[in-house]
């Protein structure tokens, strides 16, 4: 009987969460977190954004170019955070969504990874936490819009951030070779140019290129290597042959 009561409680709690979260369409994701002084540490910010977009939220990094009509209203969006609760052997992360008053509207189950490599471990733990959205069944109900239809449409075509492209056209041609958790991209020499690691989204990868760390993602059929340089987001077009 106690087990049945617990199950019923969990079901109704989940429904309550879904109803509250469904009141919001937009989520603002920070590029800095309490557990790190780095910008977009281990690609956590961009991965969080990618996970939210996978589940049909309209997510923005706090460095993105966001329409004024959305910024003007603090309470028309949720504010994401990633909570770290690591142990010596395990990386533990959860994603929290708060409203404009700081009230927790939704918190994922804790994602875990025992991988010793920090970047891979944080990636795995965050993706594990993101699986909670599978049972949330999010669908925006139109309640807390706060913007006109034209502004909402503009969000779809707004560039992800003020970026400084370093190459024009389709970019360098690279060939993908499978490795653990992702691919290494080589040129025609062949030389390893960068390594990319899988995330929860099929068109988003965590990326490492020499001293640079960022993400590789696909936008309108074009692959982009995005990273921060001198505080600015740079988008470098590349071609990938898988």
Protein backbone atom coordinates (compact mmCIF):
# COMPACT_ATOMS: atom_id res chain seq x y z
CA UNK A 1 0.00 0.00 0.00
CA UNK A 2 2.87 2.35 0.83
CA UNK A 3 4.51 1.60 -2.53
CA UNK A 4 1.26 2.41 -4.33
CA UNK A 5 0.97 5.70 -2.43
CA UNK A 6 4.54 6.63 -3.40
CA UNK A 7 3.87 5.86 -7.05
CA UNK A 8 0.70 7.96 -7.04
CA UNK A 9 2.60 10.83 -5.37
CA UNK A 10 5.36 10.68 -7.98
CA UNK A 11 2.88 10.66 -10.83
CA UNK A 12 1.00 13.69 -9.54
CA UNK A 13 4.27 15.50 -8.78
CA UNK A 14 5.37 14.89 -12.35
CA UNK A 15 2.07 16.21 -13.69
CA UNK A 16 2.39 19.31 -11.52
CA UNK A 17 5.93 19.94 -12.78
CA UNK A 18 4.79 19.50 -16.39
CA UNK A 19 1.93 21.95 -15.95
CA UNK A 20 4.20 24.61 -14.42
CA UNK A 21 7.00 24.19 -16.95
CA UNK A 22 4.52 24.24 -19.83
CA UNK A 23 3.64 27.82 -18.85
CA UNK A 24 7.00 28.92 -20.28
CA UNK A 25 8.45 28.92 -23.77
CA UNK A 26 11.86 30.53 -23.24
CA UNK A 27 14.82 29.49 -21.07
CA UNK A 28 17.91 31.60 -20.38
CA UNK A 29 21.08 29.55 -19.87
CA UNK A 30 24.11 31.09 -18.08
CA UNK A 31 27.64 30.79 -19.42
CA UNK A 32 29.06 30.73 -15.88
CA UNK A 33 28.14 28.50 -12.95
CA UNK A 34 28.87 28.50 -9.22
CA UNK A 35 31.13 25.45 -9.52
CA UNK A 36 33.56 27.02 -12.03
CA UNK A 37 35.18 30.35 -12.85
CA UNK A 38 35.46 29.39 -16.52
CA UNK A 39 33.09 30.56 -19.26
CA UNK A 40 31.03 27.65 -20.60
CA UNK A 41 32.99 25.14 -18.47
CA UNK A 42 33.44 21.77 -20.20
CA UNK A 43 30.87 22.96 -22.76
CA UNK A 44 28.13 22.70 -20.10
CA UNK A 45 26.32 25.89 -21.17
CA UNK A 46 26.05 24.98 -24.83
CA UNK A 47 25.16 21.37 -24.01
CA UNK A 48 22.40 22.52 -21.62
CA UNK A 49 21.04 24.78 -24.34
CA UNK A 50 21.17 21.92 -26.83
CA UNK A 51 19.32 19.56 -24.48
CA UNK A 52 16.58 22.13 -23.84
CA UNK A 53 16.17 22.75 -27.56
CA UNK A 54 15.95 19.00 -28.12
CA UNK A 55 12.89 18.98 -25.87
CA UNK A 56 11.26 21.91 -27.71
CA UNK A 57 12.18 24.81 -25.41
CA UNK A 58 13.46 28.01 -27.01
CA UNK A 59 16.75 28.38 -25.17
CA UNK A 60 19.31 31.19 -25.21
CA UNK A 61 22.73 31.64 -23.69
CA UNK A 62 23.09 34.86 -21.70
CA UNK A 63 25.63 35.98 -24.34
CA UNK A 64 23.21 35.46 -27.25
CA UNK A 65 21.56 38.26 -29.20
CA UNK A 66 18.09 38.12 -27.65
CA UNK A 67 15.19 40.29 -28.94
CA UNK A 68 14.41 43.23 -26.65
CA UNK A 69 10.78 42.18 -26.30
CA UNK A 70 11.91 39.02 -24.54
CA UNK A 71 14.52 40.71 -22.36
CA UNK A 72 12.05 43.41 -21.35
CA UNK A 73 9.93 40.94 -19.37
CA UNK A 74 11.78 39.06 -16.63
CA UNK A 75 8.90 36.73 -15.85
CA UNK A 76 8.19 35.44 -19.36
CA UNK A 77 11.05 32.93 -19.19
CA UNK A 78 12.73 30.35 -17.02
CA UNK A 79 16.32 30.60 -15.81
CA UNK A 80 18.45 27.47 -16.06
CA UNK A 81 21.20 26.42 -13.70
CA UNK A 82 23.38 23.34 -13.35
CA UNK A 83 23.99 22.03 -9.84
CA UNK A 84 27.15 20.06 -9.08
CA UNK A 85 27.29 17.49 -6.27
CA UNK A 86 30.45 15.55 -7.08
CA UNK A 87 32.19 12.89 -5.02
CA UNK A 88 35.76 11.65 -5.39
CA UNK A 89 34.71 8.94 -7.85
CA UNK A 90 31.54 10.31 -9.43
CA UNK A 91 30.48 13.44 -11.32
CA UNK A 92 26.92 14.34 -10.33
CA UNK A 93 24.92 17.08 -12.06
CA UNK A 94 21.30 18.17 -12.18
CA UNK A 95 19.54 20.82 -14.28
CA UNK A 96 17.34 23.32 -12.45
CA UNK A 97 14.76 25.64 -14.02
CA UNK A 98 13.68 28.64 -11.91
CA UNK A 99 11.14 31.40 -12.48
CA UNK A 100 11.84 35.13 -12.16
CA UNK A 101 11.30 34.96 -8.38
CA UNK A 102 13.90 32.25 -7.94
CA UNK A 103 11.33 29.52 -7.30
CA UNK A 104 12.34 26.11 -8.60
CA UNK A 105 9.82 25.17 -11.28
CA UNK A 106 11.58 21.97 -12.32
CA UNK A 107 14.67 20.00 -11.35
CA UNK A 108 15.93 16.93 -13.16
CA UNK A 109 17.06 13.76 -11.48
CA UNK A 110 20.76 13.74 -10.72
CA UNK A 111 22.85 12.59 -13.68
CA UNK A 112 25.97 10.60 -12.89
CA UNK A 113 29.24 9.58 -14.53
CA UNK A 114 32.25 7.68 -13.22
CA UNK A 115 34.47 8.67 -16.15
CA UNK A 116 37.75 10.08 -14.85
CA UNK A 117 38.30 12.51 -17.74
CA UNK A 118 36.61 15.71 -16.57
CA UNK A 119 35.19 16.92 -19.86
CA UNK A 120 33.73 13.55 -20.81
CA UNK A 121 32.44 12.97 -17.28
CA UNK A 122 30.58 16.29 -17.15
CA UNK A 123 29.17 15.63 -20.60
CA UNK A 124 27.92 12.16 -19.62
CA UNK A 125 26.47 13.33 -16.30
CA UNK A 126 24.60 16.23 -17.89
CA UNK A 127 23.19 14.03 -20.66
CA UNK A 128 22.11 11.53 -18.00
CA UNK A 129 20.33 14.33 -16.10
CA UNK A 130 18.71 15.49 -19.33
CA UNK A 131 16.89 12.16 -19.67
CA UNK A 132 14.44 13.43 -17.05
CA UNK A 133 12.91 15.61 -19.77
CA UNK A 134 11.75 12.41 -21.50
CA UNK A 135 9.09 11.90 -18.83
CA UNK A 136 8.24 15.59 -18.51
CA UNK A 137 6.32 15.63 -21.82
CA UNK A 138 6.86 19.38 -22.18
CA UNK A 139 4.51 21.29 -24.48
CA UNK A 140 4.21 25.08 -24.28
CA UNK A 141 0.64 26.13 -23.47
CA UNK A 142 0.95 29.79 -24.52
CA UNK A 143 0.50 31.24 -21.02
CA UNK A 144 3.64 33.32 -20.32
CA UNK A 145 4.48 34.62 -23.77
CA UNK A 146 5.18 38.26 -23.07
CA UNK A 147 6.13 38.86 -26.70
CA UNK A 148 4.34 39.47 -29.95
CA UNK A 149 3.99 36.80 -32.63
CA UNK A 150 6.49 38.70 -34.79
CA UNK A 151 9.07 38.67 -32.02
CA UNK A 152 8.59 34.96 -31.42
CA UNK A 153 9.11 34.34 -35.12
CA UNK A 154 12.26 36.45 -35.04
CA UNK A 155 13.69 34.13 -32.41
CA UNK A 156 13.91 31.32 -34.91
CA UNK A 157 16.05 33.26 -37.32
CA UNK A 158 18.08 35.29 -34.82
CA UNK A 159 21.78 34.33 -34.86
CA UNK A 160 22.86 32.39 -31.78
CA UNK A 161 25.24 35.15 -30.66
CA UNK A 162 27.27 38.08 -31.96
CA UNK A 163 29.91 35.97 -33.65
CA UNK A 164 33.06 36.72 -35.58
CA UNK A 165 33.50 34.17 -38.40
CA UNK A 166 37.16 33.40 -38.97
CA UNK A 167 36.63 31.67 -42.31
CA UNK A 168 34.28 32.26 -45.21
CA UNK A 169 32.36 29.69 -47.24
CA UNK A 170 32.06 26.09 -46.18
CA UNK A 171 35.42 25.92 -44.45
CA UNK A 172 38.11 23.26 -44.16
CA UNK A 173 37.24 19.73 -45.28
CA UNK A 174 37.72 17.21 -42.47
CA UNK A 175 37.18 13.46 -42.32
CA UNK A 176 35.62 11.81 -39.25
CA UNK A 177 37.24 8.73 -37.74
CA UNK A 178 35.37 6.99 -34.87
CA UNK A 179 36.95 7.08 -31.40
CA UNK A 180 35.53 6.39 -27.94
CA UNK A 181 32.52 8.67 -27.35
CA UNK A 182 32.88 10.50 -30.67
CA UNK A 183 35.21 11.17 -33.60
CA UNK A 184 38.61 12.59 -34.45
CA UNK A 185 38.56 14.89 -37.46
CA UNK A 186 41.54 14.66 -39.80
CA UNK A 187 42.59 16.63 -42.87
CA UNK A 188 44.01 15.21 -46.13
CA UNK A 189 47.60 15.08 -44.76
CA UNK A 190 46.33 13.12 -42.69
CA UNK A 191 46.65 15.17 -39.50
CA UNK A 192 44.30 15.15 -36.51
CA UNK A 193 42.76 18.63 -36.47
CA UNK A 194 40.27 18.23 -33.63
CA UNK A 195 38.31 15.74 -31.56
CA UNK A 196 34.54 15.89 -31.10
CA UNK A 197 32.51 14.10 -28.43
CA UNK A 198 28.87 13.09 -28.67
CA UNK A 199 26.15 14.93 -26.71
CA UNK A 200 22.43 14.28 -26.29
CA UNK A 201 21.75 16.06 -29.59
CA UNK A 202 22.76 14.38 -32.85
CA UNK A 203 23.96 17.63 -34.46
CA UNK A 204 25.89 18.99 -31.46
CA UNK A 205 29.35 17.80 -30.33
CA UNK A 206 31.77 18.97 -27.65
CA UNK A 207 34.99 19.91 -29.44
CA UNK A 208 38.71 20.24 -28.70
CA UNK A 209 41.16 21.82 -31.16
CA UNK A 210 44.65 22.32 -29.75
CA UNK A 211 44.15 24.84 -26.91
CA UNK A 212 40.59 25.69 -27.98
CA UNK A 213 37.50 24.13 -26.43
CA UNK A 214 33.98 24.65 -27.74
CA UNK A 215 31.23 22.88 -29.65
CA UNK A 216 30.70 21.69 -33.19
CA UNK A 217 27.09 22.02 -34.31
CA UNK A 218 25.10 22.01 -37.52
CA UNK A 219 23.15 25.09 -38.57
CA UNK A 220 21.17 25.16 -41.81
CA UNK A 221 23.24 22.28 -43.18
CA UNK A 222 26.56 23.98 -42.31
CA UNK A 223 28.85 22.60 -39.60
CA UNK A 224 30.30 25.27 -37.28
CA UNK A 225 33.09 25.05 -34.71
CA UNK A 226 32.10 27.58 -32.03
CA UNK A 227 34.41 28.71 -29.24
CA UNK A 228 35.13 31.74 -27.07
CA UNK A 229 38.13 33.95 -27.85
CA UNK A 230 38.84 37.12 -25.88
CA UNK A 231 35.31 36.96 -24.47
CA UNK A 232 33.65 36.77 -27.89
CA UNK A 233 31.95 33.80 -29.50
CA UNK A 234 33.69 32.77 -32.73
CA UNK A 235 31.99 30.58 -35.36
CA UNK A 236 34.36 28.75 -37.71
CA UNK A 237 32.67 26.93 -40.63
CA UNK A 238 33.97 23.45 -41.42
CA UNK A 239 33.01 20.53 -43.64
CA UNK A 240 32.78 17.06 -42.10
CA UNK A 241 32.68 13.79 -44.01
CA UNK A 242 31.39 11.04 -41.72
